[in-house]
Amino acid sequence: MQEIEKKFARVFQTPDGRAVLEHLRKITIERVLGPNATDSELRWSEANRAFVRQIESMIARGKKG
């Protein structure tokens, strides 16, 4: 898996890649759902957050390798 991690690191170190990652963070990790959010909305939101965290994790591993 190391090769794909390096590719993630290269792609997201560009200005465009950083802008895309920042946008993904804003619409997932930084998004706050109100107290009336349904169970379904909470699950969908958490799945999206996990996906962005996975991307960030691959970037971090790619920078180390």
N, C-alpha and C. Protein backbone atom coordinates (compact mmCIF):
# COMPACT_ATOMS: atom_id res chain seq x y z
N MET A 1 0.83 -1.20 0.00
CA MET A 1 0.00 0.00 0.00
C MET A 1 0.86 1.25 0.00
N GLN A 2 2.12 1.13 0.26
CA GLN A 2 3.00 2.29 0.39
C GLN A 2 3.02 3.18 -0.86
N GLU A 3 2.94 2.59 -2.03
CA GLU A 3 2.99 3.39 -3.26
C GLU A 3 1.78 4.32 -3.37
N ILE A 4 0.60 3.83 -3.05
CA ILE A 4 -0.59 4.69 -3.12
C ILE A 4 -0.52 5.80 -2.09
N GLU A 5 0.05 5.52 -0.94
CA GLU A 5 0.19 6.55 0.08
C GLU A 5 1.11 7.67 -0.41
N LYS A 6 2.17 7.31 -1.10
CA LYS A 6 3.07 8.33 -1.68
C LYS A 6 2.33 9.17 -2.72
N LYS A 7 1.48 8.53 -3.49
CA LYS A 7 0.70 9.26 -4.50
C LYS A 7 -0.27 10.25 -3.84
N PHE A 8 -0.91 9.81 -2.75
CA PHE A 8 -1.79 10.71 -2.00
C PHE A 8 -0.99 11.92 -1.52
N ALA A 9 0.18 11.67 -0.96
CA ALA A 9 1.01 12.76 -0.43
C ALA A 9 1.39 13.74 -1.56
N ARG A 10 1.76 13.21 -2.71
CA ARG A 10 2.14 14.09 -3.84
C ARG A 10 0.95 14.90 -4.34
N VAL A 11 -0.18 14.25 -4.51
CA VAL A 11 -1.37 14.94 -5.04
C VAL A 11 -1.83 16.06 -4.12
N PHE A 12 -1.86 15.78 -2.81
CA PHE A 12 -2.41 16.76 -1.88
C PHE A 12 -1.38 17.78 -1.37
N GLN A 13 -0.14 17.71 -1.87
CA GLN A 13 0.82 18.74 -1.49
C GLN A 13 0.80 19.91 -2.48
N THR A 14 0.11 19.75 -3.59
CA THR A 14 -0.01 20.85 -4.55
C THR A 14 -0.99 21.89 -4.01
N PRO A 15 -0.92 23.11 -4.51
CA PRO A 15 -1.90 24.11 -4.06
C PRO A 15 -3.35 23.67 -4.31
N ASP A 16 -3.61 23.09 -5.47
CA ASP A 16 -4.97 22.63 -5.74
C ASP A 16 -5.36 21.50 -4.81
N GLY A 17 -4.46 20.58 -4.56
CA GLY A 17 -4.73 19.47 -3.66
C GLY A 17 -5.02 19.94 -2.25
N ARG A 18 -4.24 20.91 -1.77
CA ARG A 18 -4.47 21.46 -0.43
C ARG A 18 -5.84 22.15 -0.36
N ALA A 19 -6.20 22.85 -1.44
CA ALA A 19 -7.51 23.54 -1.47
C ALA A 19 -8.65 22.52 -1.45
N VAL A 20 -8.50 21.43 -2.18
CA VAL A 20 -9.53 20.39 -2.20
C VAL A 20 -9.66 19.75 -0.82
N LEU A 21 -8.53 19.43 -0.20
CA LEU A 21 -8.57 18.82 1.12
C LEU A 21 -9.19 19.76 2.15
N GLU A 22 -8.87 21.03 2.07
CA GLU A 22 -9.47 22.01 2.98
C GLU A 22 -10.98 22.06 2.79
N HIS A 23 -11.43 22.03 1.54
CA HIS A 23 -12.87 22.03 1.26
C HIS A 23 -13.52 20.77 1.83
N LEU A 24 -12.89 19.62 1.63
CA LEU A 24 -13.44 18.38 2.18
C LEU A 24 -13.54 18.44 3.71
N ARG A 25 -12.53 19.02 4.36
CA ARG A 25 -12.57 19.17 5.82
C ARG A 25 -13.74 20.06 6.24
N LYS A 26 -13.94 21.16 5.52
CA LYS A 26 -15.02 22.10 5.88
C LYS A 26 -16.40 21.47 5.75
N ILE A 27 -16.59 20.63 4.74
CA ILE A 27 -17.93 20.07 4.53
C ILE A 27 -18.14 18.75 5.28
N THR A 28 -17.10 18.26 5.94
CA THR A 28 -17.25 17.00 6.68
C THR A 28 -16.84 17.17 8.14
N ILE A 29 -15.56 17.24 8.40
CA ILE A 29 -15.03 17.25 9.77
C ILE A 29 -15.48 18.49 10.54
N GLU A 30 -15.47 19.64 9.89
CA GLU A 30 -15.82 20.88 10.59
C GLU A 30 -17.33 21.16 10.59
N ARG A 31 -18.10 20.35 9.90
CA ARG A 31 -19.54 20.55 9.84
C ARG A 31 -20.17 20.13 11.16
N VAL A 32 -21.06 20.95 11.65
CA VAL A 32 -21.75 20.67 12.91
C VAL A 32 -23.23 20.47 12.60
N LEU A 33 -23.73 19.34 13.06
CA LEU A 33 -25.17 19.08 12.90
C LEU A 33 -25.90 19.55 14.14
N GLY A 34 -27.07 20.05 13.96
CA GLY A 34 -27.86 20.55 15.08
C GLY A 34 -28.46 19.43 15.91
N PRO A 35 -29.11 19.81 17.00
CA PRO A 35 -29.69 18.81 17.91
C PRO A 35 -30.85 18.03 17.29
N ASN A 36 -31.39 18.51 16.20
CA ASN A 36 -32.51 17.84 15.55
C ASN A 36 -32.06 16.88 14.44
N ALA A 37 -30.76 16.66 14.33
CA ALA A 37 -30.25 15.76 13.30
C ALA A 37 -30.76 14.34 13.55
N THR A 38 -31.12 13.69 12.48
CA THR A 38 -31.62 12.32 12.59
C THR A 38 -30.45 11.35 12.74
N ASP A 39 -30.79 10.16 13.16
CA ASP A 39 -29.79 9.10 13.26
C ASP A 39 -29.12 8.87 11.90
N SER A 40 -29.91 8.88 10.88
CA SER A 40 -29.41 8.69 9.52
C SER A 40 -28.42 9.80 9.13
N GLU A 41 -28.75 11.03 9.44
CA GLU A 41 -27.86 12.16 9.14
C GLU A 41 -26.55 12.05 9.92
N LEU A 42 -26.64 11.66 11.18
CA LEU A 42 -25.44 11.51 12.00
C LEU A 42 -24.53 10.42 11.44
N ARG A 43 -25.11 9.30 11.04
CA ARG A 43 -24.32 8.20 10.48
C ARG A 43 -23.66 8.61 9.17
N TRP A 44 -24.40 9.29 8.31
CA TRP A 44 -23.87 9.75 7.03
C TRP A 44 -22.72 10.74 7.27
N SER A 45 -22.90 11.65 8.20
CA SER A 45 -21.88 12.64 8.50
C SER A 45 -20.62 11.96 9.04
N GLU A 46 -20.78 11.02 9.94
CA GLU A 46 -19.62 10.33 10.51
C GLU A 46 -18.88 9.50 9.47
N ALA A 47 -19.61 8.90 8.56
CA ALA A 47 -18.97 8.13 7.48
C ALA A 47 -18.13 9.06 6.60
N ASN A 48 -18.66 10.23 6.30
CA ASN A 48 -17.90 11.19 5.50
C ASN A 48 -16.66 11.68 6.24
N ARG A 49 -16.79 11.92 7.52
CA ARG A 49 -15.64 12.34 8.32
C ARG A 49 -14.57 11.26 8.34
N ALA A 50 -14.98 10.02 8.49
CA ALA A 50 -14.03 8.91 8.50
C ALA A 50 -13.29 8.81 7.17
N PHE A 51 -14.00 9.06 6.09
CA PHE A 51 -13.37 9.02 4.77
C PHE A 51 -12.29 10.09 4.63
N VAL A 52 -12.58 11.30 5.06
CA VAL A 52 -11.60 12.39 4.98
C VAL A 52 -10.43 12.11 5.92
N ARG A 53 -10.70 11.57 7.10
CA ARG A 53 -9.60 11.21 8.00
C ARG A 53 -8.72 10.13 7.39
N GLN A 54 -9.32 9.21 6.64
CA GLN A 54 -8.54 8.17 5.96
C GLN A 54 -7.62 8.80 4.91
N ILE A 55 -8.12 9.76 4.17
CA ILE A 55 -7.29 10.47 3.19
C ILE A 55 -6.13 11.15 3.90
N GLU A 56 -6.42 11.85 4.98
CA GLU A 56 -5.36 12.54 5.73
C GLU A 56 -4.33 11.56 6.29
N SER A 57 -4.79 10.42 6.72
CA SER A 57 -3.89 9.40 7.24
C SER A 57 -2.97 8.87 6.14
N MET A 58 -3.53 8.65 4.97
CA MET A 58 -2.71 8.17 3.85
C MET A 58 -1.68 9.22 3.43
N ILE A 59 -2.08 10.48 3.46
CA ILE A 59 -1.15 11.56 3.15
C ILE A 59 0.01 11.55 4.15
N ALA A 60 -0.32 11.45 5.41
CA ALA A 60 0.72 11.46 6.47
C ALA A 60 1.68 10.28 6.30
N ARG A 61 1.14 9.10 6.04
CA ARG A 61 2.00 7.93 5.85
C ARG A 61 2.84 8.06 4.59
N GLY A 62 2.27 8.67 3.55
CA GLY A 62 3.01 8.86 2.31
C GLY A 62 4.17 9.84 2.46
N LYS A 63 4.01 10.82 3.32
CA LYS A 63 5.09 11.78 3.57
C LYS A 63 6.23 11.13 4.34
N LYS A 64 5.91 10.17 5.20
CA LYS A 64 6.94 9.48 5.98
C LYS A 64 7.70 8.47 5.14
N GLY A 65 6.98 7.83 4.22
CA GLY A 65 7.59 6.73 3.45
C GLY A 65 8.32 7.23 2.28
